[in-house]
N, C-alpha and C. Protein backbone atom coordinates (compact mmCIF):
# COMPACT_ATOMS: atom_id res chain seq x y z
N MET A 1 -8.38 -0.97 -13.97
CA MET A 1 -8.48 -1.76 -12.69
C MET A 1 -8.45 -0.68 -11.53
N SER A 2 -9.44 -0.72 -10.60
CA SER A 2 -9.48 0.32 -9.68
C SER A 2 -8.73 -0.15 -8.34
N ASP A 3 -8.40 -1.21 -8.07
CA ASP A 3 -7.72 -1.75 -6.94
C ASP A 3 -6.45 -0.95 -6.60
N THR A 4 -6.40 -0.25 -5.46
CA THR A 4 -5.14 0.55 -5.14
C THR A 4 -3.99 -0.26 -4.84
N ASN A 5 -4.18 -1.60 -4.63
CA ASN A 5 -3.08 -2.51 -4.44
C ASN A 5 -2.51 -3.24 -5.61
N SER A 6 -3.17 -3.01 -6.73
CA SER A 6 -2.91 -3.74 -8.01
C SER A 6 -1.54 -3.23 -8.63
N PRO A 7 -0.81 -4.13 -8.97
CA PRO A 7 0.36 -3.48 -9.68
C PRO A 7 0.19 -2.79 -10.87
N THR A 8 -0.98 -2.85 -11.54
CA THR A 8 -1.15 -2.05 -12.52
C THR A 8 -1.70 -0.63 -12.16
N ALA A 9 -1.91 -0.35 -10.80
CA ALA A 9 -2.33 0.95 -10.35
C ALA A 9 -1.11 1.60 -9.95
N TYR A 10 -0.19 2.02 -10.84
CA TYR A 10 1.09 2.57 -10.43
C TYR A 10 0.99 4.05 -9.91
N HIS A 11 -0.14 4.55 -10.31
CA HIS A 11 -0.50 5.96 -9.93
C HIS A 11 -0.60 6.21 -8.35
N CYS A 12 -0.98 5.15 -7.84
CA CYS A 12 -1.45 5.20 -6.47
C CYS A 12 -0.34 5.25 -5.36
N SER A 13 -0.77 5.78 -4.17
CA SER A 13 0.25 5.78 -3.15
C SER A 13 -0.21 5.17 -1.92
N ALA A 14 -1.20 4.30 -1.95
CA ALA A 14 -1.71 3.59 -0.80
C ALA A 14 -0.86 2.62 -0.33
N PRO A 15 -0.67 2.40 1.00
CA PRO A 15 0.21 1.30 1.54
C PRO A 15 -0.28 -0.09 1.06
N LEU A 16 0.62 -0.85 0.80
CA LEU A 16 0.32 -2.36 0.40
C LEU A 16 0.02 -3.00 1.66
N ALA A 17 -1.25 -3.36 1.93
CA ALA A 17 -1.74 -4.20 2.87
C ALA A 17 -1.08 -3.98 4.33
N GLY A 18 -1.08 -2.62 4.43
CA GLY A 18 -0.69 -2.14 5.81
C GLY A 18 0.95 -2.23 5.89
N ALA A 19 1.62 -2.53 4.76
CA ALA A 19 3.01 -2.62 4.86
C ALA A 19 3.77 -1.32 4.60
N PRO A 20 4.96 -1.10 5.03
CA PRO A 20 5.63 0.27 4.77
C PRO A 20 6.12 0.45 3.39
N VAL A 21 5.27 0.07 2.33
CA VAL A 21 5.71 0.12 0.98
C VAL A 21 4.49 0.64 0.24
N VAL A 22 4.81 1.52 -0.83
CA VAL A 22 3.79 2.19 -1.67
C VAL A 22 4.34 2.01 -2.95
N ARG A 23 3.59 2.10 -3.96
CA ARG A 23 4.00 2.06 -5.30
C ARG A 23 3.64 3.36 -5.98
N ARG A 24 4.47 3.99 -6.45
CA ARG A 24 4.47 5.49 -6.99
C ARG A 24 5.23 5.70 -8.23
N GLY A 25 4.54 6.02 -9.31
CA GLY A 25 5.27 6.25 -10.64
C GLY A 25 5.83 5.07 -11.22
N GLY A 26 5.30 3.94 -10.93
CA GLY A 26 5.75 2.68 -11.38
C GLY A 26 7.02 1.99 -10.72
N GLN A 27 7.17 2.51 -9.38
CA GLN A 27 8.21 2.16 -8.48
C GLN A 27 7.88 1.85 -7.15
N TRP A 28 8.48 1.04 -6.54
CA TRP A 28 8.07 0.66 -5.25
C TRP A 28 9.05 1.49 -4.26
N TRP A 29 8.44 2.13 -3.21
CA TRP A 29 9.24 2.88 -2.15
C TRP A 29 9.05 2.18 -0.78
N LEU A 30 9.94 2.27 0.08
CA LEU A 30 9.82 1.91 1.38
C LEU A 30 9.68 3.00 2.16
N VAL A 31 8.58 3.27 3.02
CA VAL A 31 8.30 4.35 3.65
C VAL A 31 8.57 4.25 5.17
N THR A 32 9.20 5.24 5.79
CA THR A 32 9.20 5.27 7.23
C THR A 32 8.72 6.55 7.84
N SER A 33 8.64 6.82 8.93
CA SER A 33 8.39 8.10 9.60
C SER A 33 9.30 9.21 9.26
N VAL A 34 10.52 8.83 8.77
CA VAL A 34 11.46 9.90 8.60
C VAL A 34 11.91 10.07 7.22
N GLY A 35 11.17 9.29 6.20
CA GLY A 35 11.38 9.36 4.85
C GLY A 35 11.22 8.30 4.03
N SER A 36 11.40 8.12 2.75
CA SER A 36 11.21 7.29 1.95
C SER A 36 12.50 6.69 1.08
N LEU A 37 12.66 5.52 0.67
CA LEU A 37 13.72 4.87 0.05
C LEU A 37 13.23 4.14 -1.04
N LEU A 38 13.80 4.44 -2.32
CA LEU A 38 13.40 3.72 -3.53
C LEU A 38 13.82 2.20 -3.42
N ALA A 39 12.99 1.38 -3.61
CA ALA A 39 13.36 -0.12 -3.75
C ALA A 39 13.73 -0.44 -5.16
N THR A 40 15.08 -0.94 -5.19
CA THR A 40 15.64 -1.18 -6.59
C THR A 40 16.03 -2.59 -6.78
N ASP A 41 15.98 -3.48 -5.78
CA ASP A 41 16.23 -4.91 -5.92
C ASP A 41 15.19 -5.48 -6.75
N PRO A 42 15.49 -6.12 -7.91
CA PRO A 42 14.45 -6.66 -8.80
C PRO A 42 13.90 -7.93 -8.17
N THR A 43 14.65 -8.67 -7.33
CA THR A 43 13.80 -9.92 -6.71
C THR A 43 12.86 -9.33 -5.61
N PHE A 44 13.17 -8.30 -4.87
CA PHE A 44 12.33 -7.73 -3.84
C PHE A 44 11.13 -7.12 -4.54
N THR A 45 11.26 -6.23 -5.56
CA THR A 45 10.10 -5.58 -6.20
C THR A 45 9.39 -6.54 -7.03
N GLY A 46 9.98 -7.83 -7.48
CA GLY A 46 9.12 -8.72 -8.09
C GLY A 46 8.23 -9.36 -7.31
N GLU A 47 8.76 -9.71 -5.92
CA GLU A 47 7.85 -10.25 -4.93
C GLU A 47 6.75 -9.39 -4.41
N LEU A 48 7.00 -7.94 -4.55
CA LEU A 48 5.95 -6.99 -4.19
C LEU A 48 5.01 -6.98 -5.20
N ASP A 49 5.41 -7.09 -6.44
CA ASP A 49 4.49 -7.15 -7.53
C ASP A 49 3.55 -8.29 -7.38
N ARG A 50 4.20 -9.48 -7.29
CA ARG A 50 3.34 -10.76 -7.06
C ARG A 50 2.42 -10.74 -5.93
N PHE A 51 2.93 -10.22 -4.80
CA PHE A 51 2.02 -9.93 -3.49
C PHE A 51 0.93 -9.08 -3.81
N ALA A 52 1.07 -8.03 -4.53
CA ALA A 52 0.14 -6.97 -4.75
C ALA A 52 -0.97 -7.65 -5.76
N ALA A 53 -0.62 -8.33 -6.80
CA ALA A 53 -1.52 -9.05 -7.58
C ALA A 53 -2.27 -10.10 -7.02
N ALA A 54 -1.72 -10.76 -6.19
CA ALA A 54 -2.39 -11.95 -5.25
C ALA A 54 -3.33 -11.32 -4.26
N LYS A 55 -2.91 -10.13 -3.83
CA LYS A 55 -3.93 -9.51 -2.81
C LYS A 55 -5.00 -8.93 -3.57
N ALA A 56 -4.76 -8.43 -4.69
CA ALA A 56 -5.89 -7.83 -5.41
C ALA A 56 -6.87 -8.86 -5.91
N ALA A 57 -6.37 -10.14 -6.40
CA ALA A 57 -7.19 -11.19 -6.73
C ALA A 57 -8.11 -11.73 -5.58
N ALA A 58 -7.40 -11.82 -4.33
CA ALA A 58 -8.18 -12.19 -3.12
C ALA A 58 -9.29 -11.21 -2.71
N ASP A 59 -8.95 -9.88 -2.74
CA ASP A 59 -9.90 -9.00 -2.56
C ASP A 59 -11.14 -9.10 -3.58
N ARG A 60 -10.96 -9.29 -4.77
CA ARG A 60 -11.99 -9.51 -5.77
C ARG A 60 -12.68 -10.61 -5.39
N ALA A 61 -12.09 -11.87 -5.02
CA ALA A 61 -12.77 -13.02 -4.77
C ALA A 61 -13.55 -12.90 -3.46
N VAL A 62 -13.17 -12.12 -2.49
CA VAL A 62 -13.97 -11.77 -1.31
C VAL A 62 -15.13 -10.92 -1.59
N ALA A 63 -14.88 -10.03 -2.29
CA ALA A 63 -16.07 -9.11 -2.78
C ALA A 63 -17.10 -10.01 -3.56
N GLN A 64 -16.82 -10.80 -4.50
CA GLN A 64 -17.51 -11.77 -5.19
C GLN A 64 -18.49 -12.56 -4.18
N LEU A 65 -17.64 -13.26 -3.19
CA LEU A 65 -18.41 -14.06 -2.03
C LEU A 65 -19.39 -13.33 -1.41
N ARG A 66 -19.03 -11.93 -1.14
CA ARG A 66 -20.04 -11.23 -0.43
C ARG A 66 -21.20 -10.89 -1.09
N ILE A 67 -21.06 -10.65 -2.45
CA ILE A 67 -22.24 -10.40 -3.39
C ILE A 67 -22.97 -11.69 -3.50
N ASP A 68 -22.27 -12.80 -3.65
CA ASP A 68 -23.13 -13.99 -3.87
C ASP A 68 -23.95 -14.46 -2.68
N CYS A 69 -23.40 -14.13 -1.29
CA CYS A 69 -24.05 -14.39 -0.07
C CYS A 69 -25.07 -13.59 0.14
N GLY A 70 -25.09 -12.36 -0.37
CA GLY A 70 -26.05 -11.35 -0.01
C GLY A 70 -27.30 -11.41 -1.11
N THR A 71 -27.14 -12.18 -2.15
CA THR A 71 -28.11 -12.22 -3.18
C THR A 71 -29.20 -13.35 -2.53
N PRO A 72 -30.51 -13.02 -2.64
CA PRO A 72 -31.50 -14.10 -2.13
C PRO A 72 -31.49 -15.06 -3.09
N ARG A 73 -31.74 -16.24 -2.59
CA ARG A 73 -31.83 -17.46 -3.40
C ARG A 73 -33.30 -17.79 -3.55
N ARG A 74 -33.66 -18.43 -4.66
CA ARG A 74 -34.86 -18.81 -5.01
C ARG A 74 -35.23 -20.20 -4.15
N ARG A 75 -36.35 -20.22 -3.74
CA ARG A 75 -36.84 -21.36 -2.88
C ARG A 75 -37.49 -22.26 -3.91
N SER A 76 -37.19 -23.50 -3.86
CA SER A 76 -37.95 -24.50 -4.69
C SER A 76 -39.36 -24.53 -4.03
N ARG A 77 -40.20 -24.91 -4.84
CA ARG A 77 -41.64 -25.14 -4.39
C ARG A 77 -41.98 -26.59 -4.42
């Protein structure tokens, strides 16, 4: 999966939907202008995983809608 916000894309360091969190090395990090802090709370990181998965699914659905809307339709004769 190539979506950088996907929970399976653990190698990425892109922010999650503009939030001050990134997924690096299989762990969530809170990022500020002065440094980073490892997120260790399982409830919080589980919610981040679920949000990342939902966002990735929504991004795929929007991309498919754009493809579908951009495809010329056949006119009936």
